[in-house]
Amino acid sequence: MKKKQVTALLLAAVLGVSALMTGCGDSKKKEETAGKEGGSKEFTAFMFLSGTPFNEEWEVWKEIEKETGVKLKGVVASSNSDYSTAFQNMVASGQLADIIACESTSDLEKLGKDGGMLPLNDLIDEYAPNIKKMLEEDPNFKYQATAEDGNIYNIPLGKELQSSQFYWIRQDWLDKLGLAVPTTVDELHDVLLAFKNNDPNGNGKADEIPLFDRSATSENEMGEYLALWDSSTGFYPRDGKMTFEPITENYKLAVSNLAKWYKEGLIDPEIFTRGMSARDTLLSNNTGGFTHDWVSTGNYNDSLAQDVPGFNMVAVAPFADQNGNVKERERRYAECGWGISSQCKDPEALIKFMDYMFTEEGSDFMNWGIEGKTYTVDENGNKAFTDEVFNSGLAPVEYLRSLGSQYRAGYVQSADYEYATMNEAGKAANELYNSHEEWFEGAKLPDLKLSKDALDEYKSIMSGISPIVFEKLQSWILGSGDIEAEYDDFVNELKARNIDRAIEIQQEAYDNFMKVTK
């Protein structure tokens, strides 16, 4: 009943907006945004990031208003930290904000297909040259912007750096044991075995945990280690054909080897239960040796310098798999940014405002903040953050967000900004990975776009498959199950649960992905 009510409200909104759109169409001679002399033009904004609603009092957005003549007014109370509830309540009310930012692209695309968001294709062509250029030059950005029906409801948050997660290893342990950096999966095994048996932390105890991970409690987060043998728990295309990797030989090989490593004591015995504290706990205790994690892992070289003398965590290249191939499966993709609702009275002004975020000036506000306060520019045009950013008591990105920068919107997160907040280990990690485009040719895909019917069918199928895959993965690695004895029955069960149909759905979505990004 509720679903029908929401749809009816949206349809009513769409019918009501047709007259408004006619009025908007007559305003083509308006200034780029609202004229500065005539005061700011105000638009309502539904915007969230990490539980924080948009605040029009943020300094950065006040500066943006001065430059554009556009003022955004948040529609969510500062006390509301639940994006999903706030989004659903807004849609159910039938009163949509002019700008809607999203945590999930599918939210805007579904709303757009129901009539709640404007298709932006024509507006971009006519009024947004900078966004248009991004769509033409960046296939990843274009795919995230383009819904399955071909319309653009979302101006994404783009990323310049293609990677921010890396394989990390204790270089100080390698040095102490006289070991070279491993380059193949077999060499990695031997290094982890040495970490286990040869007391690299020097405390006389067999307490080293060679391989650890803080995200393995999630269904998809053992992928970085399955990738050592070119596999994962998800869908992956090979030679243009979509596969579900848990029913492939590579997966069986990968899980069998991880089970062997676990039995040998090379993997954290609490890998599936320790949770997000694993990295901090094991590195601070000087017991963790190897992981795959975010660039922030390099920060421990600074924070542990006094407590763990010589501590040195370094990023290393992906390892050659059983076939000699080197791949990095993890890569960054553009995220959901924002769009314009069908209830906006002046979409031309808003699309011009959104286009401003893709100019150098707009990008600087979103990435760097306020010149003179949060960053400086030298005579060569190089930017650097001020001491205020680093000495605020917050992480640099959190301080910037407290001013309104690095917030959920449509712009491009710049590589220079990211480098400016990294220590030397982080910079070295990014330089290593971003200098090898070939490693990412086999990266996993972004979430593929599906029609509503296909998505509903796909979710129905996978709701009965994903828990089985994760449960079996755990039991086989931990040794409570036997993959050799159980694998054929596992495959048959997934087929009985219609995995082949899910593969067909993903194939159709992949074909569309290739069409949009070619």
Protein backbone atom coordinates (compact mmCIF):
# COMPACT_ATOMS: atom_id res chain seq x y z
CA MET A 1 0.00 0.00 0.00
CA LYS A 2 2.82 2.37 0.94
CA LYS A 3 4.58 1.72 -2.36
CA LYS A 4 1.44 2.64 -4.31
CA GLN A 5 1.06 5.80 -2.25
CA VAL A 6 4.64 6.89 -2.97
CA THR A 7 4.22 6.25 -6.70
CA ALA A 8 0.99 8.24 -6.77
CA LEU A 9 2.64 11.14 -5.00
CA LEU A 10 5.50 11.13 -7.45
CA LEU A 11 3.18 11.00 -10.44
CA ALA A 12 1.27 13.94 -9.03
CA ALA A 13 4.53 15.78 -8.58
CA VAL A 14 5.52 15.08 -12.18
CA LEU A 15 2.18 16.32 -13.52
CA GLY A 16 2.49 19.41 -11.40
CA VAL A 17 6.00 20.11 -12.54
CA SER A 18 5.17 20.18 -16.25
CA ALA A 19 3.89 23.73 -15.92
CA LEU A 20 6.96 24.65 -13.91
CA MET A 21 9.22 23.21 -16.59
CA THR A 22 7.42 25.32 -19.19
CA GLY A 23 8.25 28.36 -17.11
CA CYS A 24 11.86 27.19 -16.80
CA GLY A 25 12.08 26.79 -20.55
CA ASP A 26 11.23 30.46 -21.00
CA SER A 27 14.14 31.56 -18.81
CA LYS A 28 17.03 30.75 -21.14
CA LYS A 29 18.15 34.37 -21.15
CA LYS A 30 18.77 34.29 -17.41
CA GLU A 31 22.25 34.91 -16.10
CA GLU A 32 24.60 31.95 -15.52
CA THR A 33 23.31 31.43 -12.00
CA ALA A 34 21.52 34.03 -9.93
CA GLY A 35 22.97 37.47 -10.50
CA LYS A 36 25.24 38.59 -7.71
CA GLU A 37 23.78 42.10 -7.89
CA GLY A 38 20.26 40.76 -7.44
CA GLY A 39 21.09 38.61 -4.43
CA SER A 40 21.41 34.85 -4.16
CA LYS A 41 18.93 32.42 -5.65
CA GLU A 42 17.95 29.79 -3.10
CA PHE A 43 17.48 26.06 -3.75
CA THR A 44 16.61 23.34 -1.28
CA ALA A 45 19.09 20.49 -0.89
CA PHE A 46 18.81 16.95 0.46
CA MET A 47 22.46 16.06 1.05
CA PHE A 48 24.15 13.57 3.38
CA LEU A 49 27.62 12.18 4.00
CA SER A 50 28.55 9.67 6.70
CA GLY A 51 25.49 10.50 8.77
CA THR A 52 25.94 14.27 8.50
CA PRO A 53 23.21 16.29 6.75
CA PHE A 54 24.08 19.38 4.72
CA ASN A 55 24.59 22.57 6.73
CA GLU A 56 24.21 25.86 4.86
CA GLU A 57 26.33 27.57 7.53
CA TRP A 58 29.47 25.73 6.47
CA GLU A 59 32.11 28.28 5.47
CA VAL A 60 32.98 26.67 2.15
CA TRP A 61 29.39 26.79 0.91
CA LYS A 62 29.08 30.43 1.94
CA GLU A 63 32.12 31.17 -0.22
CA ILE A 64 30.60 29.18 -3.08
CA GLU A 65 27.44 31.25 -2.72
CA LYS A 66 29.48 34.45 -3.06
CA GLU A 67 31.01 33.18 -6.30
CA THR A 68 27.89 31.69 -7.88
CA GLY A 69 24.94 33.57 -6.48
CA VAL A 70 23.38 30.24 -5.49
CA LYS A 71 22.48 29.41 -1.90
CA LEU A 72 21.61 25.87 -0.87
CA LYS A 73 19.26 25.36 2.04
CA GLY A 74 19.37 21.97 3.74
CA VAL A 75 16.06 20.19 4.29
CA VAL A 76 17.23 17.60 6.83
CA ALA A 77 17.55 18.41 10.53
CA SER A 78 21.11 18.32 11.84
CA SER A 79 19.99 15.76 14.43
CA ASN A 80 18.99 13.27 11.72
CA SER A 81 21.92 10.95 11.03
CA ASP A 82 20.05 8.21 9.14
CA TYR A 83 20.26 8.79 5.38
CA SER A 84 17.94 5.91 4.41
CA THR A 85 15.13 6.96 6.73
CA ALA A 86 15.42 10.62 5.73
CA PHE A 87 15.45 9.73 2.04
CA GLN A 88 12.43 7.46 2.30
CA ASN A 89 10.51 10.04 4.34
CA MET A 90 11.22 12.74 1.78
CA VAL A 91 10.05 10.58 -1.13
CA ALA A 92 6.95 9.44 0.75
CA SER A 93 6.02 13.04 1.54
CA GLY A 94 5.95 13.94 -2.15
CA GLN A 95 7.96 17.09 -1.34
CA LEU A 96 11.31 16.64 -3.06
CA ALA A 97 14.25 18.97 -2.54
CA ASP A 98 15.57 20.79 -5.62
CA ILE A 99 18.94 19.02 -5.30
CA ILE A 100 19.13 15.44 -4.08
CA ALA A 101 22.45 13.81 -3.26
CA CYS A 102 22.59 10.08 -2.66
CA GLU A 103 24.64 7.36 -1.03
CA SER A 104 23.56 4.88 -3.71
CA THR A 105 23.26 5.63 -7.42
CA SER A 106 20.29 3.25 -7.59
CA ASP A 107 18.34 5.56 -5.25
CA LEU A 108 18.45 8.45 -7.72
CA GLU A 109 17.97 6.24 -10.75
CA LYS A 110 14.89 4.54 -9.31
CA LEU A 111 13.50 7.92 -8.31
CA GLY A 112 14.26 9.21 -11.79
CA LYS A 113 12.47 6.34 -13.50
CA ASP A 114 9.46 7.01 -11.24
CA GLY A 115 9.44 10.64 -12.38
CA GLY A 116 11.04 12.21 -9.33
CA MET A 117 14.35 13.23 -10.93
CA LEU A 118 14.95 15.18 -14.13
CA PRO A 119 16.85 13.54 -16.99
CA LEU A 120 19.85 15.86 -17.29
CA ASN A 121 21.10 14.82 -20.74
CA ASP A 122 19.77 17.84 -22.65
CA LEU A 123 20.51 20.30 -19.84
CA ILE A 124 24.13 19.13 -19.77
CA ASP A 125 24.45 19.46 -23.54
CA GLU A 126 23.18 23.03 -23.45
CA TYR A 127 24.40 24.49 -20.17
CA ALA A 128 27.17 22.35 -18.62
CA PRO A 129 30.30 22.19 -20.83
CA ASN A 130 32.57 21.01 -18.01
CA ILE A 131 30.31 18.12 -17.03
CA LYS A 132 29.91 17.26 -20.71
CA LYS A 133 33.68 17.12 -21.08
CA MET A 134 33.96 14.73 -18.13
CA LEU A 135 31.33 12.46 -19.65
CA GLU A 136 33.19 12.42 -22.95
CA GLU A 137 36.65 11.85 -21.50
CA ASP A 138 36.06 9.48 -18.56
CA PRO A 139 34.17 6.23 -19.37
CA ASN A 140 33.97 5.34 -15.68
CA PHE A 141 32.36 8.69 -14.86
CA LYS A 142 29.99 8.31 -17.81
CA TYR A 143 28.86 4.85 -16.71
CA GLN A 144 28.14 5.96 -13.16
CA ALA A 145 26.14 8.90 -14.53
CA THR A 146 24.10 6.91 -17.05
CA ALA A 147 21.10 4.93 -15.86
CA GLU A 148 20.06 1.65 -17.46
CA ASP A 149 17.38 3.54 -19.43
CA GLY A 150 20.02 5.84 -20.96
CA ASN A 151 19.09 8.91 -18.94
CA ILE A 152 21.42 10.85 -16.67
CA TYR A 153 19.82 11.48 -13.29
CA ASN A 154 23.07 11.70 -11.34
CA ILE A 155 26.18 13.89 -11.64
CA PRO A 156 28.76 11.62 -9.99
CA LEU A 157 31.54 12.22 -7.51
CA GLY A 158 34.54 11.29 -9.64
CA LYS A 159 37.97 10.02 -8.59
CA GLU A 160 41.31 10.86 -10.19
CA LEU A 161 43.30 8.16 -8.39
CA GLN A 162 42.33 4.69 -9.55
CA SER A 163 43.42 2.92 -6.38
CA SER A 164 43.42 3.59 -2.67
CA GLN A 165 43.76 0.02 -1.37
CA PHE A 166 47.00 -1.90 -1.60
CA TYR A 167 48.86 -4.97 -0.43
CA TRP A 168 50.95 -3.97 2.61
CA ILE A 169 53.83 -5.86 4.21
CA ARG A 170 56.21 -5.29 7.11
CA GLN A 171 59.44 -4.22 5.43
CA ASP A 172 61.20 -4.14 8.82
CA TRP A 173 60.36 -7.82 9.29
CA LEU A 174 61.63 -8.66 5.83
CA ASP A 175 64.86 -6.82 6.57
CA LYS A 176 65.34 -8.53 9.92
CA LEU A 177 64.89 -11.98 8.36
CA GLY A 178 66.97 -11.13 5.28
CA LEU A 179 64.05 -11.71 2.92
CA ALA A 180 63.28 -10.05 -0.39
CA VAL A 181 59.88 -8.57 -1.15
CA PRO A 182 57.75 -11.44 -2.52
CA THR A 183 56.58 -11.08 -6.11
CA THR A 184 54.58 -14.30 -6.63
CA VAL A 185 51.90 -16.01 -4.59
CA ASP A 186 54.30 -18.88 -3.83
CA GLU A 187 56.96 -16.45 -2.63
CA LEU A 188 54.34 -14.74 -0.47
CA HIS A 189 53.53 -18.08 1.16
CA ASP A 190 57.18 -18.63 2.00
CA VAL A 191 57.54 -15.14 3.47
CA LEU A 192 54.43 -15.58 5.63
CA LEU A 193 55.79 -18.91 6.82
CA ALA A 194 59.01 -17.17 7.82
CA PHE A 195 57.02 -14.51 9.66
CA LYS A 196 55.24 -17.30 11.53
CA ASN A 197 58.29 -19.31 12.51
CA ASN A 198 61.26 -16.95 12.82
CA ASP A 199 60.17 -14.38 15.43
CA PRO A 200 60.55 -11.20 13.35
CA ASN A 201 59.19 -9.01 16.17
CA GLY A 202 61.99 -10.31 18.39
CA ASN A 203 60.03 -10.84 21.60
CA GLY A 204 60.84 -14.54 21.88
CA LYS A 205 57.19 -15.53 21.52
CA ALA A 206 55.42 -17.26 18.63
CA ASP A 207 52.79 -14.53 18.55
CA GLU A 208 53.14 -13.23 15.00
CA ILE A 209 50.01 -13.22 12.85
CA PRO A 210 51.35 -13.21 9.29
CA LEU A 211 48.12 -12.39 7.40
CA PHE A 212 45.29 -10.37 8.90
CA ASP A 213 42.33 -8.39 7.62
CA ARG A 214 39.84 -6.06 9.29
CA SER A 215 37.01 -6.48 6.78
CA ALA A 216 36.73 -10.25 6.45
CA THR A 217 33.51 -10.28 8.45
CA SER A 218 31.71 -9.00 5.33
CA GLU A 219 30.47 -11.39 2.64
CA ASN A 220 32.63 -9.88 -0.09
CA GLU A 221 35.77 -8.93 1.79
CA MET A 222 38.02 -11.99 1.38
CA GLY A 223 38.28 -11.04 -2.27
CA GLU A 224 41.76 -9.54 -1.96
CA TYR A 225 43.12 -12.92 -0.87
CA LEU A 226 41.06 -15.04 -3.26
CA ALA A 227 42.51 -12.72 -5.90
CA LEU A 228 45.95 -14.17 -5.18
CA TRP A 229 44.73 -17.06 -7.34
CA ASP A 230 42.65 -14.86 -9.67
CA SER A 231 39.25 -15.39 -8.07
CA SER A 232 36.58 -13.77 -5.90
CA THR A 233 33.18 -14.43 -4.35
CA GLY A 234 31.37 -12.48 -7.06
CA PHE A 235 30.70 -12.11 -10.77
CA TYR A 236 33.61 -11.55 -13.12
CA PRO A 237 33.86 -11.38 -16.93
CA ARG A 238 36.33 -13.51 -18.86
CA ASP A 239 36.67 -13.03 -22.60
CA GLY A 240 33.39 -11.13 -22.64
CA LYS A 241 31.44 -13.84 -20.81
CA MET A 242 30.20 -13.30 -17.28
CA THR A 243 31.07 -15.95 -14.71
CA PHE A 244 30.14 -16.51 -11.09
CA GLU A 245 33.54 -17.25 -9.66
CA PRO A 246 32.58 -19.53 -6.75
CA ILE A 247 31.60 -22.19 -9.30
CA THR A 248 34.93 -21.99 -11.18
CA GLU A 249 38.15 -23.97 -10.75
CA ASN A 250 40.12 -20.87 -9.76
CA TYR A 251 37.84 -20.40 -6.77
CA LYS A 252 38.26 -23.98 -5.65
CA LEU A 253 42.04 -23.59 -5.94
CA ALA A 254 42.02 -20.28 -4.06
CA VAL A 255 39.91 -21.53 -1.16
CA SER A 256 41.91 -24.77 -0.94
CA ASN A 257 45.13 -22.78 -0.65
CA LEU A 258 43.72 -20.36 1.91
CA ALA A 259 42.56 -23.36 3.95
CA LYS A 260 46.11 -24.72 3.76
CA TRP A 261 47.55 -21.37 4.85
CA TYR A 262 45.09 -21.22 7.75
CA LYS A 263 46.04 -24.71 8.88
CA GLU A 264 49.71 -23.69 8.77
CA GLY A 265 48.98 -20.76 11.08
CA LEU A 266 49.60 -18.10 8.45
CA ILE A 267 46.14 -16.50 8.70
CA ASP A 268 44.70 -14.76 11.75
CA PRO A 269 42.70 -17.41 13.65
CA GLU A 270 40.11 -14.69 14.34
CA ILE A 271 40.00 -13.34 10.79
CA PHE A 272 36.22 -13.75 10.49
CA THR A 273 35.41 -12.31 13.92
CA ARG A 274 38.07 -9.77 14.92
CA GLY A 275 36.48 -7.00 12.87
CA MET A 276 37.57 -3.44 12.17
CA SER A 277 39.90 -3.27 15.16
CA ALA A 278 42.21 -5.90 13.64
CA ARG A 279 44.60 -3.50 11.92
CA ASP A 280 45.03 -1.19 14.89
CA THR A 281 45.29 -4.02 17.42
CA LEU A 282 47.73 -6.24 15.56
CA LEU A 283 50.01 -3.50 14.29
CA SER A 284 50.08 -1.71 17.65
CA ASN A 285 50.95 -5.03 19.32
CA ASN A 286 53.70 -5.56 16.72
CA THR A 287 52.19 -8.89 15.69
CA GLY A 288 50.62 -8.22 12.26
CA GLY A 289 52.68 -8.78 9.12
CA PHE A 290 50.65 -8.56 5.89
CA THR A 291 47.26 -7.28 4.75
CA HIS A 292 45.33 -5.58 1.97
CA ASP A 293 43.94 -2.26 3.14
CA TRP A 294 43.46 1.46 2.56
CA VAL A 295 46.22 4.01 2.10
CA SER A 296 45.82 5.00 5.76
CA THR A 297 47.73 1.83 6.67
CA GLY A 298 50.91 3.75 5.89
CA ASN A 299 50.10 6.20 8.70
CA TYR A 300 51.16 3.60 11.26
CA ASN A 301 54.77 4.28 10.25
CA ASP A 302 54.34 7.63 11.99
CA SER A 303 51.97 6.75 14.82
CA LEU A 304 53.97 3.68 15.95
CA ALA A 305 57.44 5.15 15.45
CA GLN A 306 58.09 5.45 19.20
CA ASP A 307 56.27 2.35 20.45
CA VAL A 308 57.59 0.00 17.75
CA PRO A 309 61.09 1.20 16.81
CA GLY A 310 61.84 0.65 13.13
CA PHE A 311 58.21 -0.12 12.25
CA ASN A 312 57.91 0.10 8.46
CA MET A 313 54.80 -0.91 6.57
CA VAL A 314 55.20 -0.61 2.79
CA ALA A 315 52.91 -1.20 -0.16
CA VAL A 316 54.00 -3.95 -2.54
CA ALA A 317 52.89 -4.86 -6.04
CA PRO A 318 50.14 -7.44 -6.57
CA PHE A 319 51.57 -10.93 -6.75
CA ALA A 320 51.86 -13.06 -9.85
CA ASP A 321 49.19 -15.76 -9.61
CA GLN A 322 49.39 -19.45 -10.54
CA ASN A 323 49.41 -18.48 -14.21
CA GLY A 324 51.98 -15.73 -13.85
CA ASN A 325 49.44 -12.91 -14.23
CA VAL A 326 49.64 -9.77 -12.10
CA LYS A 327 46.29 -8.11 -11.37
CA GLU A 328 44.90 -5.66 -8.85
CA ARG A 329 41.23 -6.50 -8.48
CA GLU A 330 40.36 -3.52 -6.28
CA ARG A 331 39.93 -0.19 -8.02
CA ARG A 332 38.04 3.01 -7.38
CA TYR A 333 34.99 4.05 -9.33
CA ALA A 334 32.99 7.24 -9.37
CA GLU A 335 30.31 7.38 -6.70
CA CYS A 336 26.82 8.79 -6.58
CA GLY A 337 26.89 12.56 -6.44
CA TRP A 338 23.72 14.60 -6.88
CA GLY A 339 20.89 15.34 -9.27
CA ILE A 340 17.99 17.73 -9.85
CA SER A 341 14.48 16.78 -8.80
CA SER A 342 11.50 17.18 -11.10
CA GLN A 343 10.08 19.72 -8.66
CA CYS A 344 12.89 22.22 -9.23
CA LYS A 345 11.55 25.49 -10.71
CA ASP A 346 14.81 26.55 -12.37
CA PRO A 347 16.83 23.51 -13.48
CA GLU A 348 18.93 25.60 -15.89
CA ALA A 349 20.33 27.65 -13.01
CA LEU A 350 21.04 24.50 -11.02
CA ILE A 351 22.81 22.64 -13.82
CA LYS A 352 25.03 25.71 -14.34
CA PHE A 353 25.72 25.68 -10.61
CA MET A 354 26.59 21.98 -10.77
CA ASP A 355 28.85 22.67 -13.74
CA TYR A 356 30.74 25.22 -11.63
CA MET A 357 31.95 22.36 -9.42
CA PHE A 358 33.91 21.05 -12.42
CA THR A 359 35.76 24.33 -12.95
CA GLU A 360 39.14 24.86 -11.30
CA GLU A 361 37.65 27.30 -8.81
CA GLY A 362 34.74 25.05 -7.87
CA SER A 363 37.03 22.04 -7.63
CA ASP A 364 39.35 23.92 -5.29
CA PHE A 365 36.48 24.69 -2.91
CA MET A 366 35.40 21.04 -2.80
CA ASN A 367 38.90 19.56 -2.58
CA TRP A 368 40.97 22.14 -0.73
CA GLY A 369 38.59 24.45 1.09
CA ILE A 370 39.24 28.17 1.41
CA GLU A 371 42.45 29.72 0.10
CA GLY A 372 44.39 31.39 2.89
CA LYS A 373 42.55 29.44 5.58
CA THR A 374 42.94 25.78 4.69
CA TYR A 375 45.45 25.96 1.86
CA THR A 376 48.02 28.17 0.17
CA VAL A 377 49.21 28.43 -3.43
CA ASP A 378 52.87 29.08 -4.25
CA GLU A 379 54.30 31.03 -7.19
CA ASN A 380 54.22 27.89 -9.34
CA GLY A 381 50.56 27.21 -8.64
CA ASN A 382 51.22 24.31 -6.26
CA LYS A 383 48.76 23.97 -3.40
CA ALA A 384 49.54 22.91 0.16
CA PHE A 385 47.35 22.57 3.21
CA THR A 386 47.94 24.95 6.10
CA ASP A 387 48.87 23.94 9.64
CA GLU A 388 45.25 24.55 10.58
CA VAL A 389 44.24 21.46 8.60
CA PHE A 390 46.86 19.21 10.18
CA ASN A 391 46.72 20.57 13.74
CA SER A 392 42.96 20.76 14.25
CA GLY A 393 42.78 17.59 16.32
CA LEU A 394 40.82 15.92 13.51
CA ALA A 395 41.99 13.88 10.56
CA PRO A 396 42.55 16.30 7.64
CA VAL A 397 39.54 15.05 5.69
CA GLU A 398 37.30 15.32 8.76
CA TYR A 399 38.41 18.89 9.36
CA LEU A 400 37.74 19.80 5.74
CA ARG A 401 34.29 18.23 5.99
CA SER A 402 33.57 20.32 9.09
CA LEU A 403 33.87 23.33 6.77
CA GLY A 404 31.88 21.77 3.92
CA SER A 405 34.69 20.50 1.67
CA GLN A 406 35.02 16.85 0.63
CA TYR A 407 31.26 16.50 0.93
CA ARG A 408 28.77 14.45 -1.10
CA ALA A 409 28.23 16.31 -4.38
CA GLY A 410 29.12 16.09 -8.04
CA TYR A 411 32.77 17.01 -8.59
CA VAL A 412 36.10 15.23 -9.04
CA GLN A 413 38.18 14.29 -6.01
CA SER A 414 41.63 15.38 -7.11
CA ALA A 415 44.81 13.35 -6.87
CA ASP A 416 46.72 16.41 -5.62
CA TYR A 417 44.35 16.77 -2.67
CA GLU A 418 44.79 13.13 -1.75
CA TYR A 419 48.57 13.25 -2.02
CA ALA A 420 48.63 16.35 0.17
CA THR A 421 47.06 14.43 3.06
CA MET A 422 49.31 11.35 2.75
CA ASN A 423 52.57 10.58 4.47
CA GLU A 424 55.53 9.22 2.50
CA ALA A 425 54.33 5.60 2.71
CA GLY A 426 50.94 6.56 1.32
CA LYS A 427 52.44 8.58 -1.51
CA ALA A 428 54.79 5.73 -2.40
CA ALA A 429 51.85 3.29 -2.44
CA ASN A 430 49.84 5.43 -4.84
CA GLU A 431 52.81 6.15 -7.07
CA LEU A 432 53.55 2.43 -7.32
CA TYR A 433 50.00 1.35 -8.18
CA ASN A 434 49.03 4.30 -10.34
CA SER A 435 52.13 3.87 -12.49
CA HIS A 436 50.93 0.41 -13.58
CA GLU A 437 47.72 0.80 -15.55
CA GLU A 438 48.11 -2.77 -16.78
CA TRP A 439 47.49 -4.15 -13.28
CA PHE A 440 43.94 -2.77 -13.36
CA GLU A 441 42.92 -4.28 -16.68
CA GLY A 442 41.50 -7.20 -14.70
CA ALA A 443 39.95 -5.12 -11.91
CA LYS A 444 36.51 -5.98 -10.62
CA LEU A 445 33.62 -4.08 -12.17
CA PRO A 446 31.50 -1.38 -10.54
CA ASP A 447 27.98 -2.31 -9.53
CA LEU A 448 26.28 -2.95 -12.86
CA LYS A 449 23.06 -1.17 -13.81
CA LEU A 450 19.89 -3.28 -14.01
CA SER A 451 16.29 -2.54 -14.92
CA LYS A 452 13.85 -2.61 -12.01
CA ASP A 453 12.46 -6.02 -12.98
CA ALA A 454 15.92 -7.48 -13.53
CA LEU A 455 17.15 -6.04 -10.23
CA ASP A 456 14.21 -7.49 -8.32
CA GLU A 457 14.77 -10.91 -9.88
CA TYR A 458 18.52 -10.74 -9.30
CA LYS A 459 18.13 -9.78 -5.63
CA SER A 460 15.64 -12.59 -5.12
CA ILE A 461 18.06 -15.16 -6.54
CA MET A 462 21.15 -13.88 -4.74
CA SER A 463 19.40 -13.64 -1.37
CA GLY A 464 19.41 -17.43 -1.38
CA ILE A 465 22.94 -17.80 -2.75
CA SER A 466 25.22 -15.22 -1.11
CA PRO A 467 24.77 -16.53 2.47
CA ILE A 468 25.60 -20.06 1.32
CA VAL A 469 28.75 -18.89 -0.45
CA PHE A 470 29.98 -16.97 2.59
CA GLU A 471 29.12 -19.77 5.04
CA LYS A 472 30.97 -22.34 2.94
CA LEU A 473 33.92 -20.02 2.40
CA GLN A 474 34.34 -19.66 6.16
CA SER A 475 33.89 -23.33 6.93
CA TRP A 476 36.36 -24.43 4.25
CA ILE A 477 39.05 -21.93 5.25
CA LEU A 478 38.65 -22.63 8.97
CA GLY A 479 38.76 -26.38 8.36
CA SER A 480 35.34 -27.28 9.73
CA GLY A 481 34.33 -28.27 6.20
CA ASP A 482 36.16 -30.08 3.40
CA ILE A 483 36.10 -28.34 0.04
CA GLU A 484 37.28 -31.44 -1.83
CA ALA A 485 34.43 -33.53 -0.47
CA GLU A 486 31.74 -30.84 -0.59
CA TYR A 487 32.47 -28.74 -3.65
CA ASP A 488 30.41 -30.62 -6.25
CA ASP A 489 27.34 -30.56 -4.00
CA PHE A 490 27.96 -26.84 -3.39
CA VAL A 491 27.94 -26.12 -7.13
CA ASN A 492 24.82 -28.22 -7.65
CA GLU A 493 23.01 -26.37 -4.87
CA LEU A 494 23.82 -22.98 -6.40
CA LYS A 495 22.59 -24.18 -9.77
CA ALA A 496 19.39 -25.44 -8.16
CA ARG A 497 18.97 -21.96 -6.70
CA ASN A 498 19.10 -20.49 -10.22
CA ILE A 499 22.63 -19.07 -10.31
CA ASP A 500 22.65 -19.53 -14.08
CA ARG A 501 19.79 -17.03 -14.38
CA ALA A 502 21.69 -14.55 -12.20
CA ILE A 503 24.66 -14.95 -14.55
CA GLU A 504 22.38 -14.19 -17.51
CA ILE A 505 21.16 -11.01 -15.82
CA GLN A 506 24.71 -9.92 -15.07
CA GLN A 507 25.72 -10.70 -18.66
CA GLU A 508 23.05 -8.35 -20.00
CA ALA A 509 24.20 -5.65 -17.59
CA TYR A 510 27.84 -6.23 -18.55
CA ASP A 511 27.02 -5.92 -22.25
CA ASN A 512 25.41 -2.55 -21.49
CA PHE A 513 28.46 -1.53 -19.44
CA MET A 514 30.73 -2.27 -22.39
CA LYS A 515 28.43 -0.35 -24.72
CA VAL A 516 28.37 2.76 -22.50
CA THR A 517 32.10 2.78 -21.72
CA LYS A 518 33.54 1.92 -25.12
